[in-house]
Protein backbone atom coordinates (compact mmCIF):
# COMPACT_ATOMS: atom_id res chain seq x y z
CA UNK A 1 0.00 0.00 0.00
CA UNK A 2 2.83 2.41 0.88
CA UNK A 3 4.56 1.66 -2.42
CA UNK A 4 1.34 2.41 -4.34
CA UNK A 5 0.97 5.73 -2.52
CA UNK A 6 4.58 6.66 -3.31
CA UNK A 7 4.07 5.81 -6.98
CA UNK A 8 0.99 8.01 -7.11
CA UNK A 9 2.86 10.86 -5.47
CA UNK A 10 5.73 10.48 -7.94
CA UNK A 11 3.30 10.47 -10.86
CA UNK A 12 1.61 13.61 -9.57
CA UNK A 13 4.99 15.26 -9.12
CA UNK A 14 6.04 14.45 -12.67
CA UNK A 15 2.76 15.76 -14.06
CA UNK A 16 3.22 19.25 -12.60
CA UNK A 17 4.34 21.99 -14.95
CA UNK A 18 7.69 23.57 -14.15
CA UNK A 19 9.36 26.79 -15.27
CA UNK A 20 11.42 24.90 -17.87
CA UNK A 21 8.22 23.38 -19.28
CA UNK A 22 6.72 26.82 -19.86
CA UNK A 23 9.85 27.79 -21.80
CA UNK A 24 9.50 24.58 -23.81
CA UNK A 25 5.95 25.59 -24.70
CA UNK A 26 7.33 28.82 -26.15
CA UNK A 27 9.45 26.72 -28.50
CA UNK A 28 6.29 25.05 -29.77
CA UNK A 29 4.55 28.43 -30.02
CA UNK A 30 7.37 29.73 -32.25
CA UNK A 31 7.05 26.72 -34.54
CA UNK A 32 3.29 27.08 -34.77
CA UNK A 33 3.54 30.80 -35.53
CA UNK A 34 6.07 30.00 -38.27
CA UNK A 35 3.55 27.67 -39.93
CA UNK A 36 0.78 30.27 -39.64
CA UNK A 37 3.09 32.97 -41.03
CA UNK A 38 3.84 30.78 -44.05
CA UNK A 39 0.12 30.36 -44.57
CA UNK A 40 -0.38 34.13 -44.29
CA UNK A 41 2.27 34.66 -46.98
CA UNK A 42 0.51 32.20 -49.29
CA UNK A 43 -2.82 33.97 -48.73
CA UNK A 44 -1.32 37.36 -49.60
CA UNK A 45 0.67 36.20 -52.64
CA UNK A 46 -1.47 33.44 -54.16
CA UNK A 47 -2.40 33.96 -57.82
CA UNK A 48 -0.95 37.47 -57.84
CA UNK A 49 1.71 38.84 -60.17
CA UNK A 50 5.28 38.69 -58.88
CA UNK A 51 6.98 40.06 -56.95
CA UNK A 52 5.01 39.54 -53.73
CA UNK A 53 4.01 42.60 -51.76
CA UNK A 54 6.16 44.01 -48.98
CA UNK A 55 3.60 42.80 -46.45
CA UNK A 56 3.70 39.27 -47.83
CA UNK A 57 7.50 39.20 -47.76
CA UNK A 58 7.43 40.41 -44.17
CA UNK A 59 5.36 37.38 -43.19
CA UNK A 60 7.72 35.07 -45.10
CA UNK A 61 10.83 36.43 -43.37
CA UNK A 62 9.04 36.22 -40.03
CA UNK A 63 8.26 32.56 -40.74
CA UNK A 64 11.99 31.90 -41.21
CA UNK A 65 12.97 33.79 -38.05
CA UNK A 66 10.59 31.99 -35.68
CA UNK A 67 12.31 28.55 -35.70
CA UNK A 68 15.54 30.33 -34.72
CA UNK A 69 13.72 31.91 -31.79
CA UNK A 70 12.33 28.47 -30.99
CA UNK A 71 15.87 27.11 -30.84
CA UNK A 72 16.70 29.81 -28.30
CA UNK A 73 13.87 28.61 -26.07
CA UNK A 74 14.93 24.99 -26.70
CA UNK A 75 18.44 25.74 -25.44
CA UNK A 76 17.15 27.79 -22.51
CA UNK A 77 14.73 25.20 -21.15
CA UNK A 78 17.54 22.68 -20.59
CA UNK A 79 19.63 25.23 -18.70
CA UNK A 80 16.66 26.23 -16.55
CA UNK A 81 15.79 22.58 -15.87
CA UNK A 82 19.34 21.88 -14.66
CA UNK A 83 19.32 25.09 -12.60
CA UNK A 84 16.05 24.02 -10.95
CA UNK A 85 17.42 20.58 -10.08
CA UNK A 86 16.65 18.51 -13.17
CA UNK A 87 13.88 17.90 -15.63
CA UNK A 88 10.90 15.56 -15.66
CA UNK A 89 9.36 12.98 -17.94
CA UNK A 90 6.65 15.50 -18.77
CA UNK A 91 9.27 18.06 -19.78
CA UNK A 92 11.13 15.51 -21.90
CA UNK A 93 7.99 14.60 -23.85
CA UNK A 94 6.99 18.23 -24.27
CA UNK A 95 10.46 19.09 -25.53
CA UNK A 96 10.21 16.45 -28.24
CA UNK A 97 6.76 17.60 -29.34
CA UNK A 98 7.88 21.23 -29.50
CA UNK A 99 11.02 20.27 -31.45
CA UNK A 100 8.92 18.36 -33.97
CA UNK A 101 6.80 21.44 -34.64
CA UNK A 102 9.64 24.00 -34.78
CA UNK A 103 12.33 21.94 -36.50
CA UNK A 104 10.21 19.42 -38.43
CA UNK A 105 6.80 20.67 -39.51
CA UNK A 106 7.73 24.38 -39.74
CA UNK A 107 10.73 23.88 -42.11
CA UNK A 108 8.67 21.47 -44.24
CA UNK A 109 5.90 24.09 -44.47
CA UNK A 110 8.45 26.73 -45.47
CA UNK A 111 9.83 24.44 -48.17
CA UNK A 112 6.31 23.91 -49.55
CA UNK A 113 5.72 27.66 -49.43
CA UNK A 114 8.90 28.34 -51.41
CA UNK A 115 7.96 25.94 -54.20
CA UNK A 116 8.37 22.27 -53.25
CA UNK A 117 4.83 21.41 -54.27
CA UNK A 118 5.00 18.46 -56.67
CA UNK A 119 3.73 15.08 -55.47
CA UNK A 120 7.27 13.75 -55.05
CA UNK A 121 8.34 16.96 -53.32
CA UNK A 122 5.59 16.45 -50.78
CA UNK A 123 6.58 12.82 -50.30
CA UNK A 124 10.13 13.99 -49.52
CA UNK A 125 8.80 16.54 -47.02
CA UNK A 126 6.66 13.85 -45.37
CA UNK A 127 9.77 11.69 -45.08
CA UNK A 128 11.59 14.61 -43.49
CA UNK A 129 8.92 15.16 -40.84
CA UNK A 130 8.57 11.40 -40.24
CA UNK A 131 12.34 11.07 -39.89
CA UNK A 132 12.35 13.83 -37.31
CA UNK A 133 9.50 12.17 -35.43
CA UNK A 134 11.30 8.81 -35.40
CA UNK A 135 14.56 10.47 -34.33
CA UNK A 136 12.90 12.16 -31.35
CA UNK A 137 11.04 9.02 -30.29
CA UNK A 138 14.21 6.90 -30.44
CA UNK A 139 16.13 9.47 -28.43
CA UNK A 140 13.52 9.43 -25.66
CA UNK A 141 13.55 5.63 -25.60
CA UNK A 142 17.35 5.22 -25.57
CA UNK A 143 18.70 8.35 -23.84
CA UNK A 144 19.24 6.42 -20.60
CA UNK A 145 21.47 3.95 -22.45
CA UNK A 146 23.78 6.56 -24.00
CA UNK A 147 26.93 7.41 -21.98
CA UNK A 148 26.70 10.77 -20.20
CA UNK A 149 29.25 13.24 -18.85
CA UNK A 150 29.51 14.46 -15.25
CA UNK A 151 26.69 16.97 -15.78
CA UNK A 152 24.35 14.25 -17.03
CA UNK A 153 24.41 15.41 -20.64
CA UNK A 154 24.66 12.70 -23.31
CA UNK A 155 28.14 12.41 -24.82
CA UNK A 156 26.77 11.86 -28.32
CA UNK A 157 23.57 11.56 -30.33
CA UNK A 158 22.58 8.70 -32.61
CA UNK A 159 21.57 10.29 -35.86
CA UNK A 160 21.44 13.96 -36.78
CA UNK A 161 19.57 15.96 -34.09
CA UNK A 162 16.39 17.52 -35.44
CA UNK A 163 17.43 21.12 -34.54
CA UNK A 164 20.07 20.71 -37.27
CA UNK A 165 17.23 21.54 -39.67
CA UNK A 166 17.90 25.18 -38.79
CA UNK A 167 20.62 24.92 -41.44
CA UNK A 168 17.87 24.19 -43.99
CA UNK A 169 15.76 27.05 -42.63
CA UNK A 170 18.70 29.47 -42.85
CA UNK A 171 19.44 28.28 -46.40
CA UNK A 172 15.83 28.89 -47.43
CA UNK A 173 15.98 32.39 -45.93
CA UNK A 174 19.06 32.99 -48.10
CA UNK A 175 17.14 31.77 -51.15
CA UNK A 176 14.32 34.18 -50.37
CA UNK A 177 16.78 37.03 -49.93
CA UNK A 178 18.08 36.36 -53.46
CA UNK A 179 14.68 35.74 -55.04
CA UNK A 180 15.32 32.02 -55.58
CA UNK A 181 11.82 30.71 -54.90
CA UNK A 182 8.40 30.41 -56.51
CA UNK A 183 7.05 33.95 -56.46
CA UNK A 184 3.37 34.23 -57.20
CA UNK A 185 2.68 33.94 -60.92
CA UNK A 186 6.31 34.50 -62.02
CA UNK A 187 6.85 31.89 -64.79
CA UNK A 188 10.59 31.32 -64.30
CA UNK A 189 10.95 31.62 -60.51
CA UNK A 190 11.93 28.40 -58.77
CA UNK A 191 14.04 27.06 -55.91
CA UNK A 192 17.75 26.22 -56.39
CA UNK A 193 19.17 22.81 -57.41
CA UNK A 194 16.75 22.39 -60.27
CA UNK A 195 13.66 20.34 -61.01
CA UNK A 196 13.93 16.87 -62.52
CA UNK A 197 11.40 14.69 -64.34
CA UNK A 198 11.63 11.04 -63.36
CA UNK A 199 8.63 9.93 -65.39
CA UNK A 200 5.58 11.28 -67.24
CA UNK A 201 4.87 14.67 -68.73
CA UNK A 202 2.08 15.84 -66.41
CA UNK A 203 4.37 16.81 -63.53
CA UNK A 204 3.48 13.83 -61.35
CA UNK A 205 7.01 12.46 -61.72
CA UNK A 206 8.80 15.76 -61.07
CA UNK A 207 10.97 16.39 -58.04
CA UNK A 208 13.18 19.30 -56.98
CA UNK A 209 16.78 18.81 -56.00
CA UNK A 210 16.06 20.64 -52.74
CA UNK A 211 13.39 18.06 -51.93
CA UNK A 212 16.01 15.32 -52.31
CA UNK A 213 18.14 17.15 -49.73
CA UNK A 214 15.20 17.08 -47.31
CA UNK A 215 14.81 13.33 -47.87
CA UNK A 216 18.55 12.76 -47.28
CA UNK A 217 18.29 14.84 -44.11
CA UNK A 218 15.57 12.47 -42.91
CA UNK A 219 17.87 9.49 -43.52
CA UNK A 220 20.64 11.19 -41.54
CA UNK A 221 18.28 11.81 -38.60
CA UNK A 222 17.27 8.16 -38.30
CA UNK A 223 20.75 6.75 -38.94
CA UNK A 224 22.10 4.55 -36.13
CA UNK A 225 25.66 4.59 -37.43
CA UNK A 226 25.94 8.39 -37.46
CA UNK A 227 27.02 9.59 -34.02
CA UNK A 228 27.10 13.34 -33.37
CA UNK A 229 28.96 14.64 -30.32
C-alpha atoms as a PDB file:
ATOM      1  CA  UNK A   1       0.000   0.000   0.000  1.00  0.00           C
ATOM      2  CA  UNK A   2       2.827   2.409   0.882  1.00  0.00           C
ATOM      3  CA  UNK A   3       4.556   1.657  -2.416  1.00  0.00           C
ATOM      4  CA  UNK A   4       1.343   2.410  -4.337  1.00  0.00           C
ATOM      5  CA  UNK A   5       0.974   5.729  -2.515  1.00  0.00           C
ATOM      6  CA  UNK A   6       4.575   6.664  -3.310  1.00  0.00           C
ATOM      7  CA  UNK A   7       4.071   5.805  -6.976  1.00  0.00           C
ATOM      8  CA  UNK A   8       0.994   8.006  -7.114  1.00  0.00           C
ATOM      9  CA  UNK A   9       2.864  10.862  -5.467  1.00  0.00           C
ATOM     10  CA  UNK A  10       5.735  10.482  -7.936  1.00  0.00           C
ATOM     11  CA  UNK A  11       3.299  10.468 -10.857  1.00  0.00           C
ATOM     12  CA  UNK A  12       1.610  13.615  -9.572  1.00  0.00           C
ATOM     13  CA  UNK A  13       4.994  15.262  -9.123  1.00  0.00           C
ATOM     14  CA  UNK A  14       6.037  14.445 -12.671  1.00  0.00           C
ATOM     15  CA  UNK A  15       2.756  15.763 -14.063  1.00  0.00           C
ATOM     16  CA  UNK A  16       3.216  19.246 -12.596  1.00  0.00           C
ATOM     17  CA  UNK A  17       4.339  21.990 -14.949  1.00  0.00           C
ATOM     18  CA  UNK A  18       7.693  23.575 -14.154  1.00  0.00           C
ATOM     19  CA  UNK A  19       9.365  26.788 -15.269  1.00  0.00           C
ATOM     20  CA  UNK A  20      11.419  24.903 -17.866  1.00  0.00           C
ATOM     21  CA  UNK A  21       8.221  23.378 -19.278  1.00  0.00           C
ATOM     22  CA  UNK A  22       6.719  26.822 -19.859  1.00  0.00           C
ATOM     23  CA  UNK A  23       9.850  27.786 -21.795  1.00  0.00           C
ATOM     24  CA  UNK A  24       9.503  24.579 -23.815  1.00  0.00           C
ATOM     25  CA  UNK A  25       5.948  25.586 -24.701  1.00  0.00           C
ATOM     26  CA  UNK A  26       7.328  28.822 -26.150  1.00  0.00           C
ATOM     27  CA  UNK A  27       9.447  26.724 -28.505  1.00  0.00           C
ATOM     28  CA  UNK A  28       6.288  25.052 -29.770  1.00  0.00           C
ATOM     29  CA  UNK A  29       4.551  28.434 -30.015  1.00  0.00           C
ATOM     30  CA  UNK A  30       7.366  29.727 -32.246  1.00  0.00           C
ATOM     31  CA  UNK A  31       7.054  26.719 -34.541  1.00  0.00           C
ATOM     32  CA  UNK A  32       3.292  27.077 -34.775  1.00  0.00           C
ATOM     33  CA  UNK A  33       3.541  30.796 -35.526  1.00  0.00           C
ATOM     34  CA  UNK A  34       6.067  30.003 -38.273  1.00  0.00           C
ATOM     35  CA  UNK A  35       3.548  27.667 -39.927  1.00  0.00           C
ATOM     36  CA  UNK A  36       0.784  30.266 -39.644  1.00  0.00           C
ATOM     37  CA  UNK A  37       3.089  32.974 -41.030  1.00  0.00           C
ATOM     38  CA  UNK A  38       3.845  30.784 -44.054  1.00  0.00           C
ATOM     39  CA  UNK A  39       0.116  30.363 -44.566  1.00  0.00           C
ATOM     40  CA  UNK A  40      -0.381  34.128 -44.291  1.00  0.00           C
ATOM     41  CA  UNK A  41       2.271  34.662 -46.982  1.00  0.00           C
ATOM     42  CA  UNK A  42       0.506  32.198 -49.294  1.00  0.00           C
ATOM     43  CA  UNK A  43      -2.821  33.970 -48.735  1.00  0.00           C
ATOM     44  CA  UNK A  44      -1.323  37.361 -49.599  1.00  0.00           C
ATOM     45  CA  UNK A  45       0.668  36.197 -52.637  1.00  0.00           C
ATOM     46  CA  UNK A  46      -1.468  33.439 -54.163  1.00  0.00           C
ATOM     47  CA  UNK A  47      -2.400  33.962 -57.824  1.00  0.00           C
ATOM     48  CA  UNK A  48      -0.951  37.473 -57.840  1.00  0.00           C
ATOM     49  CA  UNK A  49       1.711  38.844 -60.166  1.00  0.00           C
ATOM     50  CA  UNK A  50       5.279  38.691 -58.877  1.00  0.00           C
ATOM     51  CA  UNK A  51       6.981  40.058 -56.952  1.00  0.00           C
ATOM     52  CA  UNK A  52       5.014  39.536 -53.731  1.00  0.00           C
ATOM     53  CA  UNK A  53       4.011  42.596 -51.759  1.00  0.00           C
ATOM     54  CA  UNK A  54       6.156  44.006 -48.983  1.00  0.00           C
ATOM     55  CA  UNK A  55       3.599  42.803 -46.448  1.00  0.00           C
ATOM     56  CA  UNK A  56       3.703  39.273 -47.833  1.00  0.00           C
ATOM     57  CA  UNK A  57       7.500  39.202 -47.763  1.00  0.00           C
ATOM     58  CA  UNK A  58       7.430  40.414 -44.169  1.00  0.00           C
ATOM     59  CA  UNK A  59       5.363  37.378 -43.193  1.00  0.00           C
ATOM     60  CA  UNK A  60       7.720  35.073 -45.098  1.00  0.00           C
ATOM     61  CA  UNK A  61      10.828  36.431 -43.369  1.00  0.00           C
ATOM     62  CA  UNK A  62       9.037  36.222 -40.031  1.00  0.00           C
ATOM     63  CA  UNK A  63       8.264  32.557 -40.736  1.00  0.00           C
ATOM     64  CA  UNK A  64      11.992  31.900 -41.208  1.00  0.00           C
ATOM     65  CA  UNK A  65      12.966  33.785 -38.052  1.00  0.00           C
ATOM     66  CA  UNK A  66      10.594  31.993 -35.683  1.00  0.00           C
ATOM     67  CA  UNK A  67      12.309  28.547 -35.703  1.00  0.00           C
ATOM     68  CA  UNK A  68      15.536  30.331 -34.725  1.00  0.00           C
ATOM     69  CA  UNK A  69      13.717  31.910 -31.785  1.00  0.00           C
ATOM     70  CA  UNK A  70      12.333  28.472 -30.988  1.00  0.00           C
ATOM     71  CA  UNK A  71      15.872  27.111 -30.838  1.00  0.00           C
ATOM     72  CA  UNK A  72      16.703  29.812 -28.299  1.00  0.00           C
ATOM     73  CA  UNK A  73      13.869  28.609 -26.072  1.00  0.00           C
ATOM     74  CA  UNK A  74      14.934  24.994 -26.701  1.00  0.00           C
ATOM     75  CA  UNK A  75      18.445  25.744 -25.444  1.00  0.00           C
ATOM     76  CA  UNK A  76      17.154  27.786 -22.508  1.00  0.00           C
ATOM     77  CA  UNK A  77      14.729  25.196 -21.151  1.00  0.00           C
ATOM     78  CA  UNK A  78      17.536  22.682 -20.592  1.00  0.00           C
ATOM     79  CA  UNK A  79      19.629  25.232 -18.702  1.00  0.00           C
ATOM     80  CA  UNK A  80      16.657  26.232 -16.549  1.00  0.00           C
ATOM     81  CA  UNK A  81      15.793  22.577 -15.866  1.00  0.00           C
ATOM     82  CA  UNK A  82      19.343  21.879 -14.657  1.00  0.00           C
ATOM     83  CA  UNK A  83      19.316  25.088 -12.603  1.00  0.00           C
ATOM     84  CA  UNK A  84      16.046  24.023 -10.953  1.00  0.00           C
ATOM     85  CA  UNK A  85      17.419  20.581 -10.079  1.00  0.00           C
ATOM     86  CA  UNK A  86      16.654  18.507 -13.170  1.00  0.00           C
ATOM     87  CA  UNK A  87      13.877  17.899 -15.631  1.00  0.00           C
ATOM     88  CA  UNK A  88      10.898  15.561 -15.659  1.00  0.00           C
ATOM     89  CA  UNK A  89       9.356  12.978 -17.939  1.00  0.00           C
ATOM     90  CA  UNK A  90       6.645  15.505 -18.772  1.00  0.00           C
ATOM     91  CA  UNK A  91       9.273  18.056 -19.783  1.00  0.00           C
ATOM     92  CA  UNK A  92      11.127  15.508 -21.903  1.00  0.00           C
ATOM     93  CA  UNK A  93       7.994  14.597 -23.852  1.00  0.00           C
ATOM     94  CA  UNK A  94       6.985  18.233 -24.268  1.00  0.00           C
ATOM     95  CA  UNK A  95      10.461  19.090 -25.533  1.00  0.00           C
ATOM     96  CA  UNK A  96      10.213  16.448 -28.245  1.00  0.00           C
ATOM     97  CA  UNK A  97       6.762  17.601 -29.342  1.00  0.00           C
ATOM     98  CA  UNK A  98       7.875  21.232 -29.504  1.00  0.00           C
ATOM     99  CA  UNK A  99      11.018  20.275 -31.451  1.00  0.00           C
ATOM    100  CA  UNK A 100       8.918  18.355 -33.972  1.00  0.00           C
ATOM    101  CA  UNK A 101       6.803  21.444 -34.637  1.00  0.00           C
ATOM    102  CA  UNK A 102       9.641  24.004 -34.775  1.00  0.00           C
ATOM    103  CA  UNK A 103      12.333  21.936 -36.500  1.00  0.00           C
ATOM    104  CA  UNK A 104      10.214  19.422 -38.431  1.00  0.00           C
ATOM    105  CA  UNK A 105       6.802  20.672 -39.508  1.00  0.00           C
ATOM    106  CA  UNK A 106       7.728  24.381 -39.737  1.00  0.00           C
ATOM    107  CA  UNK A 107      10.728  23.875 -42.112  1.00  0.00           C
ATOM    108  CA  UNK A 108       8.667  21.471 -44.241  1.00  0.00           C
ATOM    109  CA  UNK A 109       5.904  24.093 -44.467  1.00  0.00           C
ATOM    110  CA  UNK A 110       8.445  26.729 -45.465  1.00  0.00           C
ATOM    111  CA  UNK A 111       9.827  24.438 -48.172  1.00  0.00           C
ATOM    112  CA  UNK A 112       6.314  23.906 -49.553  1.00  0.00           C
ATOM    113  CA  UNK A 113       5.721  27.663 -49.428  1.00  0.00           C
ATOM    114  CA  UNK A 114       8.903  28.337 -51.409  1.00  0.00           C
ATOM    115  CA  UNK A 115       7.959  25.943 -54.200  1.00  0.00           C
ATOM    116  CA  UNK A 116       8.373  22.274 -53.248  1.00  0.00           C
ATOM    117  CA  UNK A 117       4.827  21.407 -54.275  1.00  0.00           C
ATOM    118  CA  UNK A 118       4.997  18.464 -56.670  1.00  0.00           C
ATOM    119  CA  UNK A 119       3.731  15.079 -55.473  1.00  0.00           C
ATOM    120  CA  UNK A 120       7.270  13.754 -55.052  1.00  0.00           C
ATOM    121  CA  UNK A 121       8.337  16.963 -53.315  1.00  0.00           C
ATOM    122  CA  UNK A 122       5.587  16.452 -50.778  1.00  0.00           C
ATOM    123  CA  UNK A 123       6.578  12.815 -50.298  1.00  0.00           C
ATOM    124  CA  UNK A 124      10.130  13.990 -49.522  1.00  0.00           C
ATOM    125  CA  UNK A 125       8.796  16.535 -47.025  1.00  0.00           C
ATOM    126  CA  UNK A 126       6.664  13.851 -45.369  1.00  0.00           C
ATOM    127  CA  UNK A 127       9.773  11.685 -45.079  1.00  0.00           C
ATOM    128  CA  UNK A 128      11.591  14.612 -43.493  1.00  0.00           C
ATOM    129  CA  UNK A 129       8.917  15.159 -40.839  1.00  0.00           C
ATOM    130  CA  UNK A 130       8.570  11.401 -40.239  1.00  0.00           C
ATOM    131  CA  UNK A 131      12.336  11.067 -39.890  1.00  0.00           C
ATOM    132  CA  UNK A 132      12.354  13.832 -37.306  1.00  0.00           C
ATOM    133  CA  UNK A 133       9.498  12.167 -35.432  1.00  0.00           C
ATOM    134  CA  UNK A 134      11.303   8.810 -35.405  1.00  0.00           C
ATOM    135  CA  UNK A 135      14.562  10.475 -34.327  1.00  0.00           C
ATOM    136  CA  UNK A 136      12.904  12.162 -31.348  1.00  0.00           C
ATOM    137  CA  UNK A 137      11.041   9.022 -30.293  1.00  0.00           C
ATOM    138  CA  UNK A 138      14.206   6.904 -30.443  1.00  0.00           C
ATOM    139  CA  UNK A 139      16.129   9.473 -28.428  1.00  0.00           C
ATOM    140  CA  UNK A 140      13.515   9.435 -25.662  1.00  0.00           C
ATOM    141  CA  UNK A 141      13.547   5.630 -25.597  1.00  0.00           C
ATOM    142  CA  UNK A 142      17.349   5.225 -25.568  1.00  0.00           C
ATOM    143  CA  UNK A 143      18.704   8.355 -23.843  1.00  0.00           C
ATOM    144  CA  UNK A 144      19.235   6.420 -20.596  1.00  0.00           C
ATOM    145  CA  UNK A 145      21.468   3.946 -22.447  1.00  0.00           C
ATOM    146  CA  UNK A 146      23.780   6.561 -24.001  1.00  0.00           C
ATOM    147  CA  UNK A 147      26.933   7.412 -21.977  1.00  0.00           C
ATOM    148  CA  UNK A 148      26.700  10.768 -20.200  1.00  0.00           C
ATOM    149  CA  UNK A 149      29.253  13.239 -18.846  1.00  0.00           C
ATOM    150  CA  UNK A 150      29.508  14.464 -15.254  1.00  0.00           C
ATOM    151  CA  UNK A 151      26.689  16.974 -15.779  1.00  0.00           C
ATOM    152  CA  UNK A 152      24.345  14.245 -17.029  1.00  0.00           C
ATOM    153  CA  UNK A 153      24.410  15.414 -20.642  1.00  0.00           C
ATOM    154  CA  UNK A 154      24.662  12.703 -23.310  1.00  0.00           C
ATOM    155  CA  UNK A 155      28.139  12.408 -24.823  1.00  0.00           C
ATOM    156  CA  UNK A 156      26.775  11.861 -28.317  1.00  0.00           C
ATOM    157  CA  UNK A 157      23.566  11.563 -30.327  1.00  0.00           C
ATOM    158  CA  UNK A 158      22.584   8.699 -32.614  1.00  0.00           C
ATOM    159  CA  UNK A 159      21.568  10.290 -35.862  1.00  0.00           C
ATOM    160  CA  UNK A 160      21.441  13.956 -36.778  1.00  0.00           C
ATOM    161  CA  UNK A 161      19.567  15.958 -34.094  1.00  0.00           C
ATOM    162  CA  UNK A 162      16.394  17.521 -35.443  1.00  0.00           C
ATOM    163  CA  UNK A 163      17.432  21.122 -34.536  1.00  0.00           C
ATOM    164  CA  UNK A 164      20.072  20.711 -37.268  1.00  0.00           C
ATOM    165  CA  UNK A 165      17.231  21.543 -39.666  1.00  0.00           C
ATOM    166  CA  UNK A 166      17.904  25.178 -38.785  1.00  0.00           C
ATOM    167  CA  UNK A 167      20.616  24.923 -41.444  1.00  0.00           C
ATOM    168  CA  UNK A 168      17.874  24.193 -43.991  1.00  0.00           C
ATOM    169  CA  UNK A 169      15.761  27.049 -42.630  1.00  0.00           C
ATOM    170  CA  UNK A 170      18.700  29.466 -42.854  1.00  0.00           C
ATOM    171  CA  UNK A 171      19.436  28.278 -46.400  1.00  0.00           C
ATOM    172  CA  UNK A 172      15.829  28.889 -47.427  1.00  0.00           C
ATOM    173  CA  UNK A 173      15.978  32.386 -45.935  1.00  0.00           C
ATOM    174  CA  UNK A 174      19.060  32.989 -48.103  1.00  0.00           C
ATOM    175  CA  UNK A 175      17.139  31.766 -51.154  1.00  0.00           C
ATOM    176  CA  UNK A 176      14.317  34.175 -50.371  1.00  0.00           C
ATOM    177  CA  UNK A 177      16.782  37.030 -49.935  1.00  0.00           C
ATOM    178  CA  UNK A 178      18.083  36.362 -53.456  1.00  0.00           C
ATOM    179  CA  UNK A 179      14.682  35.738 -55.036  1.00  0.00           C
ATOM    180  CA  UNK A 180      15.318  32.016 -55.578  1.00  0.00           C
ATOM    181  CA  UNK A 181      11.822  30.714 -54.897  1.00  0.00           C
ATOM    182  CA  UNK A 182       8.402  30.413 -56.513  1.00  0.00           C
ATOM    183  CA  UNK A 183       7.049  33.946 -56.465  1.00  0.00           C
ATOM    184  CA  UNK A 184       3.372  34.226 -57.200  1.00  0.00           C
ATOM    185  CA  UNK A 185       2.684  33.936 -60.920  1.00  0.00           C
ATOM    186  CA  UNK A 186       6.314  34.504 -62.024  1.00  0.00           C
ATOM    187  CA  UNK A 187       6.854  31.893 -64.790  1.00  0.00           C
ATOM    188  CA  UNK A 188      10.589  31.315 -64.304  1.00  0.00           C
ATOM    189  CA  UNK A 189      10.952  31.623 -60.515  1.00  0.00           C
ATOM    190  CA  UNK A 190      11.933  28.400 -58.774  1.00  0.00           C
ATOM    191  CA  UNK A 191      14.044  27.062 -55.911  1.00  0.00           C
ATOM    192  CA  UNK A 192      17.753  26.219 -56.392  1.00  0.00           C
ATOM    193  CA  UNK A 193      19.174  22.813 -57.410  1.00  0.00           C
ATOM    194  CA  UNK A 194      16.749  22.390 -60.273  1.00  0.00           C
ATOM    195  CA  UNK A 195      13.662  20.338 -61.014  1.00  0.00           C
ATOM    196  CA  UNK A 196      13.927  16.873 -62.516  1.00  0.00           C
ATOM    197  CA  UNK A 197      11.403  14.691 -64.336  1.00  0.00           C
ATOM    198  CA  UNK A 198      11.633  11.043 -63.355  1.00  0.00           C
ATOM    199  CA  UNK A 199       8.626   9.930 -65.393  1.00  0.00           C
ATOM    200  CA  UNK A 200       5.584  11.278 -67.239  1.00  0.00           C
ATOM    201  CA  UNK A 201       4.866  14.674 -68.734  1.00  0.00           C
ATOM    202  CA  UNK A 202       2.082  15.841 -66.414  1.00  0.00           C
ATOM    203  CA  UNK A 203       4.368  16.812 -63.532  1.00  0.00           C
ATOM    204  CA  UNK A 204       3.480  13.833 -61.346  1.00  0.00           C
ATOM    205  CA  UNK A 205       7.009  12.463 -61.725  1.00  0.00           C
ATOM    206  CA  UNK A 206       8.802  15.760 -61.073  1.00  0.00           C
ATOM    207  CA  UNK A 207      10.973  16.392 -58.041  1.00  0.00           C
ATOM    208  CA  UNK A 208      13.175  19.296 -56.984  1.00  0.00           C
ATOM    209  CA  UNK A 209      16.785  18.812 -56.000  1.00  0.00           C
ATOM    210  CA  UNK A 210      16.061  20.642 -52.745  1.00  0.00           C
ATOM    211  CA  UNK A 211      13.388  18.056 -51.930  1.00  0.00           C
ATOM    212  CA  UNK A 212      16.013  15.320 -52.307  1.00  0.00           C
ATOM    213  CA  UNK A 213      18.136  17.146 -49.734  1.00  0.00           C
ATOM    214  CA  UNK A 214      15.196  17.080 -47.314  1.00  0.00           C
ATOM    215  CA  UNK A 215      14.809  13.333 -47.868  1.00  0.00           C
ATOM    216  CA  UNK A 216      18.547  12.763 -47.277  1.00  0.00           C
ATOM    217  CA  UNK A 217      18.287  14.838 -44.109  1.00  0.00           C
ATOM    218  CA  UNK A 218      15.568  12.474 -42.911  1.00  0.00           C
ATOM    219  CA  UNK A 219      17.870   9.493 -43.525  1.00  0.00           C
ATOM    220  CA  UNK A 220      20.643  11.194 -41.544  1.00  0.00           C
ATOM    221  CA  UNK A 221      18.282  11.812 -38.600  1.00  0.00           C
ATOM    222  CA  UNK A 222      17.271   8.159 -38.296  1.00  0.00           C
ATOM    223  CA  UNK A 223      20.751   6.750 -38.935  1.00  0.00           C
ATOM    224  CA  UNK A 224      22.100   4.546 -36.131  1.00  0.00           C
ATOM    225  CA  UNK A 225      25.664   4.592 -37.430  1.00  0.00           C
ATOM    226  CA  UNK A 226      25.936   8.392 -37.457  1.00  0.00           C
ATOM    227  CA  UNK A 227      27.018   9.594 -34.017  1.00  0.00           C
ATOM    228  CA  UNK A 228      27.099  13.336 -33.374  1.00  0.00           C
ATOM    229  CA  UNK A 229      28.962  14.645 -30.316  1.00  0.00           C
END
